[in-house]
Protein backbone atom coordinates (compact mmCIF):
# COMPACT_ATOMS: atom_id res chain seq x y z
CA UNK A 1 0.00 0.00 0.00
CA UNK A 2 1.39 3.41 -0.97
CA UNK A 3 1.62 6.29 1.47
CA UNK A 4 -0.45 9.26 0.39
CA UNK A 5 1.11 12.68 0.08
CA UNK A 6 -0.79 15.12 2.39
CA UNK A 7 -0.20 17.98 -0.06
CA UNK A 8 -2.03 16.28 -2.93
CA UNK A 9 -4.80 14.44 -1.10
CA UNK A 10 -7.26 17.32 -1.33
CA UNK A 11 -10.31 17.66 0.87
CA UNK A 12 -10.02 14.45 2.84
CA UNK A 13 -6.84 13.61 4.71
CA UNK A 14 -6.03 10.52 6.71
CA UNK A 15 -8.87 9.40 8.93
CA UNK A 16 -11.52 11.29 6.94
CA UNK A 17 -10.62 14.72 8.28
CA UNK A 18 -10.12 17.73 6.01
CA UNK A 19 -6.50 18.31 5.05
CA UNK A 20 -5.72 21.95 5.85
CA UNK A 21 -2.41 21.78 3.97
CA UNK A 22 -4.42 21.54 0.73
CA UNK A 23 -6.71 24.47 1.60
CA UNK A 24 -6.16 27.96 0.18
CA UNK A 25 -7.25 29.55 3.49
CA UNK A 26 -4.65 27.73 5.61
CA UNK A 27 -1.51 29.55 6.73
CA UNK A 28 1.40 29.15 9.15
CA UNK A 29 1.50 31.93 11.76
CA UNK A 30 5.05 31.38 13.05
CA UNK A 31 3.72 31.93 16.59
CA UNK A 32 4.79 29.25 19.06
CA UNK A 33 1.49 29.06 20.91
CA UNK A 34 -0.81 29.22 17.85
CA UNK A 35 1.16 27.97 14.83
CA UNK A 36 -1.76 27.36 12.41
CA UNK A 37 -4.33 29.77 11.04
CA UNK A 38 -7.48 29.86 8.94
CA UNK A 39 -8.03 32.98 6.85
CA UNK A 40 -11.63 32.05 6.02
CA UNK A 41 -12.72 31.75 9.64
CA UNK A 42 -10.26 34.26 11.06
CA UNK A 43 -8.62 32.30 13.87
CA UNK A 44 -5.29 30.82 14.94
CA UNK A 45 -4.94 27.46 16.66
CA UNK A 46 -2.58 24.98 18.27
CA UNK A 47 -4.26 22.24 16.24
CA UNK A 48 -5.04 22.03 12.54
CA UNK A 49 -7.93 24.44 11.95
CA UNK A 50 -10.14 21.66 10.52
CA UNK A 51 -9.74 19.67 13.75
CA UNK A 52 -10.53 22.76 15.82
CA UNK A 53 -13.70 23.38 13.78
CA UNK A 54 -14.80 19.76 14.13
CA UNK A 55 -14.17 19.64 17.89
CA UNK A 56 -16.08 22.90 18.41
CA UNK A 57 -19.05 22.31 16.13
CA UNK A 58 -19.25 18.57 15.47
CA UNK A 59 -19.25 19.13 11.69
CA UNK A 60 -16.39 19.25 9.22
CA UNK A 61 -15.12 22.59 7.97
CA UNK A 62 -17.40 24.06 5.32
CA UNK A 63 -14.88 26.73 4.19
CA UNK A 64 -12.41 24.33 2.51
CA UNK A 65 -11.17 25.58 -0.84
CA UNK A 66 -8.60 23.44 -2.67
CA UNK A 67 -5.33 25.20 -3.50
CA UNK A 68 -4.65 25.72 -7.18
CA UNK A 69 -1.28 24.66 -8.57
CA UNK A 70 1.81 23.76 -6.58
CA UNK A 71 1.38 24.28 -2.80
CA UNK A 72 5.04 25.26 -2.37
């Protein structure tokens, strides 16, 4: 079985959660306490934003927008 690349997997990552690395709204904050951010929802988090959304609301992130082109 081949390992899947998290940058090309799109909406669903491992375990059925949304892969923030493939979302155009995701960004790295470079803050130690809150390293990940979501531009669509306007928050920073210690966890991946999609996990934070799911733990708070019980539904998967509805703001996911797949990145176009090379994510690097």
